């Protein structure tokens, strides 16, 4: 069975046409361009809602700037703990802070906590000379989950 030249040319032309069409289709594909802001959020960050505006938080200076009183009123029912973090710049030691946790009794809606702006050991305290504002971060934890509060205070 011998192919004549006409049939061979026809088959070669068909293969060549298919290859050309394939090359054109592949080269005409545009690479996908990612637009800014369309990045997927990774599940490593969790956004915590802020506490309701009915919660009133005050930071009151006392003892000539050596202590502050953290006063929280209108604490949501079901709150079990409040984590607090104060951070501030000092004249000598740079950035300093105070951290802790308040354990609440059931149905407790108000709390006052006096915090020392410095370090105390063996009955001796070294007080920080605060310069600028004090940043307060609170994290309310309860049966409703977690909620946060953030504010800066001039003392």
N, C-alpha and C. Protein backbone atom coordinates (compact mmCIF):
# COMPACT_ATOMS: atom_id res chain seq x y z
N UNK A 1 0.85 -1.15 0.00
CA UNK A 1 0.00 0.00 0.00
C UNK A 1 0.90 1.22 0.00
N UNK A 2 0.83 1.84 -1.08
CA UNK A 2 1.70 2.95 -1.28
C UNK A 2 0.86 4.22 -1.34
N UNK A 3 1.34 5.27 -0.56
CA UNK A 3 0.63 6.55 -0.58
C UNK A 3 1.17 7.35 -1.73
N UNK A 4 0.27 7.93 -2.44
CA UNK A 4 0.75 8.77 -3.50
C UNK A 4 1.09 10.16 -2.96
N UNK A 5 1.75 10.94 -3.76
CA UNK A 5 2.23 12.24 -3.30
C UNK A 5 1.10 13.16 -2.91
N UNK A 6 -0.04 13.09 -3.56
CA UNK A 6 -1.17 13.97 -3.25
C UNK A 6 -1.69 13.71 -1.85
N UNK A 7 -1.89 12.45 -1.51
CA UNK A 7 -2.42 12.11 -0.19
C UNK A 7 -1.41 12.48 0.89
N UNK A 8 -0.15 12.24 0.64
CA UNK A 8 0.89 12.57 1.60
C UNK A 8 0.95 14.07 1.85
N UNK A 9 0.82 14.87 0.82
CA UNK A 9 0.82 16.33 0.95
C UNK A 9 -0.42 16.79 1.72
N UNK A 10 -1.55 16.16 1.50
CA UNK A 10 -2.78 16.51 2.17
C UNK A 10 -2.67 16.23 3.67
N UNK A 11 -2.13 15.08 4.05
CA UNK A 11 -1.95 14.72 5.47
C UNK A 11 -0.95 15.67 6.11
N UNK A 12 0.14 15.95 5.46
CA UNK A 12 1.15 16.86 6.00
C UNK A 12 0.56 18.26 6.18
N UNK A 13 -0.24 18.72 5.25
CA UNK A 13 -0.89 20.03 5.35
C UNK A 13 -1.85 20.09 6.53
N UNK A 14 -2.61 18.99 6.75
CA UNK A 14 -3.57 18.95 7.86
C UNK A 14 -2.83 19.00 9.20
N UNK A 15 -1.76 18.23 9.34
CA UNK A 15 -0.97 18.21 10.59
C UNK A 15 -0.36 19.59 10.82
N UNK A 16 0.17 20.20 9.79
CA UNK A 16 0.78 21.51 9.90
C UNK A 16 -0.26 22.56 10.30
N UNK A 17 -1.44 22.48 9.75
CA UNK A 17 -2.52 23.41 10.10
C UNK A 17 -2.91 23.26 11.57
N UNK A 18 -3.02 22.05 12.06
CA UNK A 18 -3.37 21.79 13.46
C UNK A 18 -2.28 22.35 14.38
N UNK A 19 -1.01 22.15 14.02
CA UNK A 19 0.09 22.67 14.83
C UNK A 19 0.08 24.20 14.87
N UNK A 20 -0.18 24.84 13.75
CA UNK A 20 -0.22 26.30 13.70
C UNK A 20 -1.37 26.84 14.56
N UNK A 21 -2.55 26.23 14.43
CA UNK A 21 -3.70 26.67 15.23
C UNK A 21 -3.40 26.49 16.72
N UNK A 22 -2.80 25.38 17.11
CA UNK A 22 -2.44 25.14 18.50
C UNK A 22 -1.45 26.17 19.02
N UNK A 23 -0.44 26.51 18.22
CA UNK A 23 0.57 27.49 18.63
C UNK A 23 -0.06 28.87 18.80
N UNK A 24 -0.97 29.23 17.91
CA UNK A 24 -1.65 30.53 18.01
C UNK A 24 -2.50 30.59 19.28
N UNK A 25 -3.22 29.52 19.58
CA UNK A 25 -4.06 29.49 20.77
C UNK A 25 -3.22 29.59 22.05
N UNK A 26 -2.11 28.89 22.09
CA UNK A 26 -1.26 28.90 23.29
C UNK A 26 -0.61 30.28 23.46
N UNK A 27 -0.14 30.87 22.39
CA UNK A 27 0.54 32.17 22.50
C UNK A 27 -0.44 33.30 22.78
N UNK A 28 -1.71 33.15 22.42
CA UNK A 28 -2.68 34.22 22.65
C UNK A 28 -3.23 34.23 24.07
N UNK A 29 -2.93 33.21 24.85
CA UNK A 29 -3.39 33.19 26.24
C UNK A 29 -2.62 34.24 27.03
N UNK A 30 -3.34 35.12 27.72
CA UNK A 30 -2.70 36.17 28.52
C UNK A 30 -2.49 35.64 29.94
N UNK A 31 -1.36 35.97 30.52
CA UNK A 31 -1.16 35.55 31.92
C UNK A 31 -2.14 36.30 32.82
N UNK A 32 -2.59 35.62 33.86
CA UNK A 32 -3.55 36.22 34.79
C UNK A 32 -2.84 37.27 35.62
N UNK A 33 -3.36 38.49 35.56
CA UNK A 33 -2.77 39.59 36.32
C UNK A 33 -3.58 39.77 37.59
N UNK A 34 -2.88 39.72 38.73
CA UNK A 34 -3.55 39.91 40.01
C UNK A 34 -3.65 41.40 40.29
N UNK A 35 -4.84 41.83 40.65
CA UNK A 35 -5.07 43.23 40.97
C UNK A 35 -4.81 43.44 42.45
N UNK A 36 -4.25 44.60 42.82
CA UNK A 36 -4.02 44.87 44.24
C UNK A 36 -5.34 44.85 45.01
N UNK A 37 -5.31 44.30 46.19
CA UNK A 37 -6.50 44.24 47.02
C UNK A 37 -7.30 42.97 46.85
N UNK A 38 -6.95 42.14 45.88
CA UNK A 38 -7.67 40.88 45.67
C UNK A 38 -6.96 39.70 46.31
N UNK A 39 -5.97 39.98 47.16
CA UNK A 39 -5.24 38.89 47.78
C UNK A 39 -6.16 38.18 48.77
N UNK A 40 -5.99 36.91 48.88
CA UNK A 40 -6.78 36.16 49.83
C UNK A 40 -6.21 36.37 51.22
N UNK A 41 -7.12 36.51 52.22
CA UNK A 41 -6.68 36.63 53.60
C UNK A 41 -6.29 35.26 54.12
N UNK A 42 -5.16 35.22 54.75
CA UNK A 42 -4.72 33.97 55.35
C UNK A 42 -5.43 33.76 56.67
N UNK A 43 -5.71 32.53 57.03
CA UNK A 43 -6.46 32.27 58.26
C UNK A 43 -5.64 32.46 59.53
N UNK A 44 -4.49 33.13 59.44
CA UNK A 44 -3.66 33.32 60.63
C UNK A 44 -4.08 34.55 61.42
N UNK A 45 -4.85 35.45 60.83
CA UNK A 45 -5.29 36.64 61.52
C UNK A 45 -6.78 36.56 61.79
N UNK A 46 -7.13 36.88 63.04
CA UNK A 46 -8.53 36.87 63.43
C UNK A 46 -8.90 38.28 63.83
N UNK A 47 -9.98 38.78 63.32
CA UNK A 47 -10.45 40.12 63.66
C UNK A 47 -11.41 39.99 64.84
N UNK A 48 -11.07 40.69 65.93
CA UNK A 48 -11.89 40.65 67.14
C UNK A 48 -12.73 41.92 67.18
N UNK A 49 -14.04 41.80 67.40
CA UNK A 49 -14.90 42.99 67.43
C UNK A 49 -14.62 43.86 68.65
N UNK A 50 -14.96 45.16 68.52
CA UNK A 50 -14.77 46.07 69.64
C UNK A 50 -15.96 45.96 70.60
N UNK A 51 -15.69 46.37 71.84
CA UNK A 51 -16.70 46.30 72.88
C UNK A 51 -17.77 47.37 72.61
N UNK A 52 -18.95 47.15 73.09
CA UNK A 52 -20.08 48.06 72.91
C UNK A 52 -19.81 49.42 73.54
N UNK A 53 -20.38 50.48 72.98
CA UNK A 53 -20.16 51.84 73.49
C UNK A 53 -20.78 52.07 74.86
N UNK A 54 -21.62 51.17 75.32
CA UNK A 54 -22.21 51.32 76.66
C UNK A 54 -21.19 51.04 77.76
N UNK A 55 -20.07 50.43 77.42
CA UNK A 55 -18.99 50.18 78.38
C UNK A 55 -18.17 51.46 78.50
N UNK A 56 -18.04 51.98 79.71
CA UNK A 56 -17.31 53.22 79.96
C UNK A 56 -15.98 52.88 80.64
N UNK A 57 -14.88 53.33 80.04
CA UNK A 57 -13.54 53.04 80.55
C UNK A 57 -12.84 54.37 80.84
N UNK A 58 -12.27 54.47 82.05
CA UNK A 58 -11.52 55.66 82.45
C UNK A 58 -10.17 55.24 82.98
N UNK A 59 -9.20 56.10 82.79
CA UNK A 59 -7.86 55.92 83.35
C UNK A 59 -7.56 57.21 84.11
N UNK A 60 -7.55 57.12 85.44
CA UNK A 60 -7.46 58.29 86.30
C UNK A 60 -6.11 58.31 87.00
N UNK A 61 -5.40 59.43 86.86
CA UNK A 61 -4.08 59.58 87.48
C UNK A 61 -4.24 59.83 88.98
N UNK A 62 -3.34 59.23 89.76
CA UNK A 62 -3.33 59.45 91.20
C UNK A 62 -1.89 59.39 91.70
N UNK A 63 -1.67 59.80 92.92
CA UNK A 63 -0.35 59.72 93.57
C UNK A 63 0.76 60.39 92.77
N UNK A 64 0.49 61.62 92.32
CA UNK A 64 1.50 62.39 91.60
C UNK A 64 2.06 61.67 90.38
N UNK A 65 1.24 60.96 89.65
CA UNK A 65 1.67 60.29 88.43
C UNK A 65 2.36 58.97 88.66
N UNK A 66 2.36 58.47 89.90
CA UNK A 66 3.00 57.19 90.19
C UNK A 66 2.06 56.01 89.97
N UNK A 67 0.77 56.28 90.00
CA UNK A 67 -0.25 55.24 89.81
C UNK A 67 -1.38 55.78 88.97
N UNK A 68 -2.13 54.87 88.37
CA UNK A 68 -3.38 55.20 87.69
C UNK A 68 -4.45 54.22 88.15
N UNK A 69 -5.68 54.66 88.13
CA UNK A 69 -6.79 53.77 88.45
C UNK A 69 -7.54 53.47 87.16
N UNK A 70 -7.63 52.20 86.84
CA UNK A 70 -8.41 51.73 85.69
C UNK A 70 -9.83 51.50 86.18
N UNK A 71 -10.77 52.25 85.62
CA UNK A 71 -12.16 52.17 86.04
C UNK A 71 -13.02 51.74 84.85
N UNK A 72 -13.72 50.61 85.02
CA UNK A 72 -14.57 50.09 83.94
C UNK A 72 -15.98 49.96 84.47
N UNK A 73 -16.94 50.58 83.77
CA UNK A 73 -18.35 50.52 84.15
C UNK A 73 -19.17 50.00 82.97
N UNK A 74 -20.26 49.31 83.28
CA UNK A 74 -21.13 48.78 82.22
C UNK A 74 -20.56 47.53 81.57
N UNK A 75 -19.84 46.73 82.35
CA UNK A 75 -19.24 45.49 81.82
C UNK A 75 -20.36 44.57 81.35
N UNK A 76 -20.27 44.03 80.14
CA UNK A 76 -21.33 43.16 79.62
C UNK A 76 -21.53 41.93 80.50
N UNK A 77 -22.78 41.53 80.65
CA UNK A 77 -23.06 40.32 81.43
C UNK A 77 -22.44 39.11 80.72
N UNK A 78 -21.95 38.17 81.50
CA UNK A 78 -21.30 37.00 80.94
C UNK A 78 -19.80 37.17 80.80
N UNK A 79 -19.27 38.37 81.17
CA UNK A 79 -17.82 38.58 81.08
C UNK A 79 -17.14 37.84 82.22
N UNK A 80 -16.12 37.06 81.90
CA UNK A 80 -15.40 36.28 82.89
C UNK A 80 -14.06 36.92 83.25
N UNK A 81 -13.33 37.43 82.25
CA UNK A 81 -12.04 38.06 82.50
C UNK A 81 -11.87 39.29 81.62
N UNK A 82 -11.01 40.20 82.09
CA UNK A 82 -10.60 41.35 81.30
C UNK A 82 -9.08 41.40 81.37
N UNK A 83 -8.42 41.22 80.23
CA UNK A 83 -6.96 41.36 80.16
C UNK A 83 -6.67 42.82 79.87
N UNK A 84 -5.69 43.39 80.58
CA UNK A 84 -5.32 44.78 80.35
C UNK A 84 -3.84 44.89 80.02
N UNK A 85 -3.54 45.91 79.21
CA UNK A 85 -2.16 46.22 78.83
C UNK A 85 -2.05 47.72 78.69
N UNK A 86 -1.20 48.32 79.51
CA UNK A 86 -0.88 49.74 79.41
C UNK A 86 0.53 49.84 78.85
N UNK A 87 0.75 50.72 77.91
CA UNK A 87 2.10 50.94 77.40
C UNK A 87 2.32 52.45 77.31
N UNK A 88 3.57 52.85 77.63
CA UNK A 88 3.89 54.27 77.68
C UNK A 88 5.39 54.47 77.52
N UNK A 89 5.76 55.66 77.07
CA UNK A 89 7.17 56.03 76.95
C UNK A 89 7.62 56.66 78.27
N UNK A 90 8.85 56.37 78.66
CA UNK A 90 9.42 56.95 79.88
C UNK A 90 10.63 57.80 79.51
N UNK A 91 10.99 58.68 80.43
CA UNK A 91 12.12 59.57 80.18
C UNK A 91 13.43 58.81 80.13
N UNK A 92 13.61 57.79 80.96
CA UNK A 92 14.90 57.09 81.08
C UNK A 92 14.93 55.70 80.46
N UNK A 93 13.85 54.93 80.58
CA UNK A 93 13.88 53.51 80.18
C UNK A 93 13.21 53.21 78.84
N UNK A 94 12.74 54.21 78.12
CA UNK A 94 12.07 53.95 76.85
C UNK A 94 10.66 53.42 77.04
N UNK A 95 10.23 52.52 76.19
CA UNK A 95 8.88 51.97 76.25
C UNK A 95 8.74 51.01 77.42
N UNK A 96 7.73 51.25 78.26
CA UNK A 96 7.45 50.42 79.43
C UNK A 96 5.96 50.09 79.43
N UNK A 97 5.54 49.23 80.35
CA UNK A 97 4.13 48.89 80.41
C UNK A 97 3.74 48.11 81.63
N UNK A 98 2.43 47.89 81.72
CA UNK A 98 1.83 47.12 82.80
C UNK A 98 0.83 46.17 82.15
N UNK A 99 0.88 44.89 82.53
CA UNK A 99 -0.09 43.92 82.00
C UNK A 99 -0.69 43.12 83.15
N UNK A 100 -1.87 42.58 82.92
CA UNK A 100 -2.50 41.74 83.93
C UNK A 100 -3.88 41.30 83.48
N UNK A 101 -4.54 40.56 84.37
CA UNK A 101 -5.88 40.03 84.10
C UNK A 101 -6.77 40.27 85.30
N UNK A 102 -7.98 40.73 85.06
CA UNK A 102 -8.98 40.89 86.10
C UNK A 102 -9.95 39.72 86.02
N UNK A 103 -10.08 38.97 87.11
CA UNK A 103 -11.05 37.88 87.18
C UNK A 103 -12.34 38.46 87.75
N UNK A 104 -13.44 38.34 87.04
CA UNK A 104 -14.69 38.94 87.48
C UNK A 104 -15.60 37.92 88.14
N UNK A 105 -16.38 38.41 89.10
CA UNK A 105 -17.40 37.58 89.74
C UNK A 105 -18.63 37.58 88.84
N UNK A 106 -19.47 36.56 88.92
CA UNK A 106 -20.68 36.55 88.10
C UNK A 106 -21.52 37.81 88.36
N UNK A 107 -22.02 38.40 87.32
CA UNK A 107 -22.88 39.59 87.35
C UNK A 107 -22.16 40.85 87.82
N UNK A 108 -20.83 40.86 87.87
CA UNK A 108 -20.08 42.06 88.22
C UNK A 108 -20.07 42.99 87.01
N UNK A 109 -20.55 44.24 87.21
CA UNK A 109 -20.67 45.16 86.07
C UNK A 109 -19.72 46.35 86.19
N UNK A 110 -19.01 46.48 87.32
CA UNK A 110 -18.05 47.57 87.50
C UNK A 110 -16.81 47.04 88.17
N UNK A 111 -15.66 47.66 87.84
CA UNK A 111 -14.41 47.27 88.48
C UNK A 111 -13.47 48.47 88.50
N UNK A 112 -12.71 48.60 89.60
CA UNK A 112 -11.65 49.60 89.73
C UNK A 112 -10.37 48.85 90.06
N UNK A 113 -9.28 49.20 89.39
CA UNK A 113 -8.00 48.55 89.64
C UNK A 113 -6.92 49.62 89.63
N UNK A 114 -6.17 49.74 90.74
CA UNK A 114 -5.07 50.68 90.81
C UNK A 114 -3.80 50.00 90.29
N UNK A 115 -3.13 50.68 89.37
CA UNK A 115 -1.94 50.13 88.72
C UNK A 115 -0.76 51.05 88.94
N UNK A 116 0.36 50.48 89.32
CA UNK A 116 1.59 51.24 89.56
C UNK A 116 2.34 51.44 88.25
N UNK A 117 2.74 52.68 88.00
CA UNK A 117 3.53 53.00 86.81
C UNK A 117 5.00 52.91 87.20
N UNK A 118 5.48 51.71 87.31
CA UNK A 118 6.85 51.45 87.72
C UNK A 118 7.00 50.00 88.11
N UNK A 119 8.07 49.69 88.83
CA UNK A 119 8.30 48.33 89.29
C UNK A 119 8.48 48.32 90.80
N UNK A 120 7.94 47.31 91.45
CA UNK A 120 8.05 47.17 92.90
C UNK A 120 8.60 45.78 93.23
N UNK A 121 9.54 45.76 94.18
CA UNK A 121 10.14 44.51 94.61
C UNK A 121 10.57 44.64 96.07
N UNK A 122 10.20 43.67 96.87
CA UNK A 122 10.56 43.65 98.30
C UNK A 122 10.17 44.94 99.01
N UNK A 123 9.02 45.49 98.67
CA UNK A 123 8.52 46.68 99.34
C UNK A 123 9.10 47.98 98.83
N UNK A 124 10.00 47.94 97.87
CA UNK A 124 10.60 49.14 97.32
C UNK A 124 10.12 49.32 95.88
N UNK A 125 9.65 50.53 95.57
CA UNK A 125 9.16 50.80 94.22
C UNK A 125 10.04 51.82 93.52
N UNK A 126 10.26 51.59 92.24
CA UNK A 126 10.94 52.54 91.36
C UNK A 126 9.89 52.98 90.34
N UNK A 127 9.54 54.27 90.38
CA UNK A 127 8.46 54.77 89.53
C UNK A 127 9.01 55.30 88.21
N UNK A 128 8.22 55.10 87.16
CA UNK A 128 8.59 55.59 85.83
C UNK A 128 8.16 57.03 85.68
N UNK A 129 8.95 57.80 84.97
CA UNK A 129 8.58 59.17 84.61
C UNK A 129 7.95 59.09 83.22
N UNK A 130 6.63 59.05 83.19
CA UNK A 130 5.89 58.87 81.94
C UNK A 130 5.94 60.15 81.11
N UNK A 131 6.28 59.99 79.84
CA UNK A 131 6.26 61.12 78.91
C UNK A 131 5.25 60.80 77.82
N UNK A 132 4.32 61.69 77.58
CA UNK A 132 3.33 61.47 76.53
C UNK A 132 2.11 60.72 77.03
N UNK A 133 1.45 60.08 76.10
CA UNK A 133 0.18 59.41 76.38
C UNK A 133 0.40 57.96 76.82
N UNK A 134 -0.61 57.44 77.53
CA UNK A 134 -0.62 56.03 77.92
C UNK A 134 -1.62 55.32 77.01
N UNK A 135 -1.17 54.26 76.36
CA UNK A 135 -2.05 53.46 75.48
C UNK A 135 -2.63 52.32 76.30
N UNK A 136 -3.95 52.19 76.29
CA UNK A 136 -4.65 51.15 77.03
C UNK A 136 -5.32 50.19 76.06
N UNK A 137 -5.04 48.90 76.21
CA UNK A 137 -5.69 47.85 75.43
C UNK A 137 -6.38 46.92 76.42
N UNK A 138 -7.67 46.67 76.19
CA UNK A 138 -8.43 45.73 77.02
C UNK A 138 -8.98 44.63 76.13
N UNK A 139 -9.03 43.42 76.69
CA UNK A 139 -9.64 42.28 75.99
C UNK A 139 -10.65 41.65 76.94
N UNK A 140 -11.94 41.79 76.60
CA UNK A 140 -13.02 41.24 77.39
C UNK A 140 -13.29 39.82 76.89
N UNK A 141 -13.32 38.86 77.81
CA UNK A 141 -13.58 37.47 77.43
C UNK A 141 -14.76 36.96 78.25
N UNK A 142 -15.71 36.31 77.57
CA UNK A 142 -16.88 35.78 78.26
C UNK A 142 -17.63 34.81 77.38
N UNK A 143 -18.86 34.55 77.78
CA UNK A 143 -19.68 33.59 77.04
C UNK A 143 -19.98 34.08 75.62
N UNK A 144 -19.80 35.35 75.36
CA UNK A 144 -20.03 35.95 74.05
C UNK A 144 -18.79 35.87 73.15
N UNK A 145 -17.67 35.40 73.70
CA UNK A 145 -16.42 35.35 72.94
C UNK A 145 -15.46 36.41 73.44
N UNK A 146 -14.71 37.02 72.53
CA UNK A 146 -13.75 38.06 72.87
C UNK A 146 -14.16 39.38 72.22
N UNK A 147 -13.92 40.48 72.94
CA UNK A 147 -14.12 41.82 72.40
C UNK A 147 -13.00 42.70 72.93
N UNK A 148 -12.64 43.72 72.17
CA UNK A 148 -11.50 44.56 72.54
C UNK A 148 -11.90 46.02 72.72
N UNK A 149 -11.03 46.73 73.44
CA UNK A 149 -11.15 48.18 73.64
C UNK A 149 -9.73 48.74 73.55
N UNK A 150 -9.55 49.84 72.80
CA UNK A 150 -8.25 50.50 72.68
C UNK A 150 -8.45 52.00 72.74
N UNK A 151 -7.57 52.67 73.51
CA UNK A 151 -7.65 54.13 73.60
C UNK A 151 -6.35 54.65 74.19
N UNK A 152 -6.00 55.89 73.85
CA UNK A 152 -4.86 56.57 74.45
C UNK A 152 -5.34 57.65 75.39
N UNK A 153 -4.66 57.77 76.54
CA UNK A 153 -5.03 58.72 77.57
C UNK A 153 -3.85 59.64 77.86
N UNK A 154 -4.13 60.92 78.03
CA UNK A 154 -3.12 61.87 78.48
C UNK A 154 -3.26 61.99 79.99
N UNK A 155 -2.23 61.63 80.72
CA UNK A 155 -2.28 61.65 82.18
C UNK A 155 -1.47 62.82 82.71
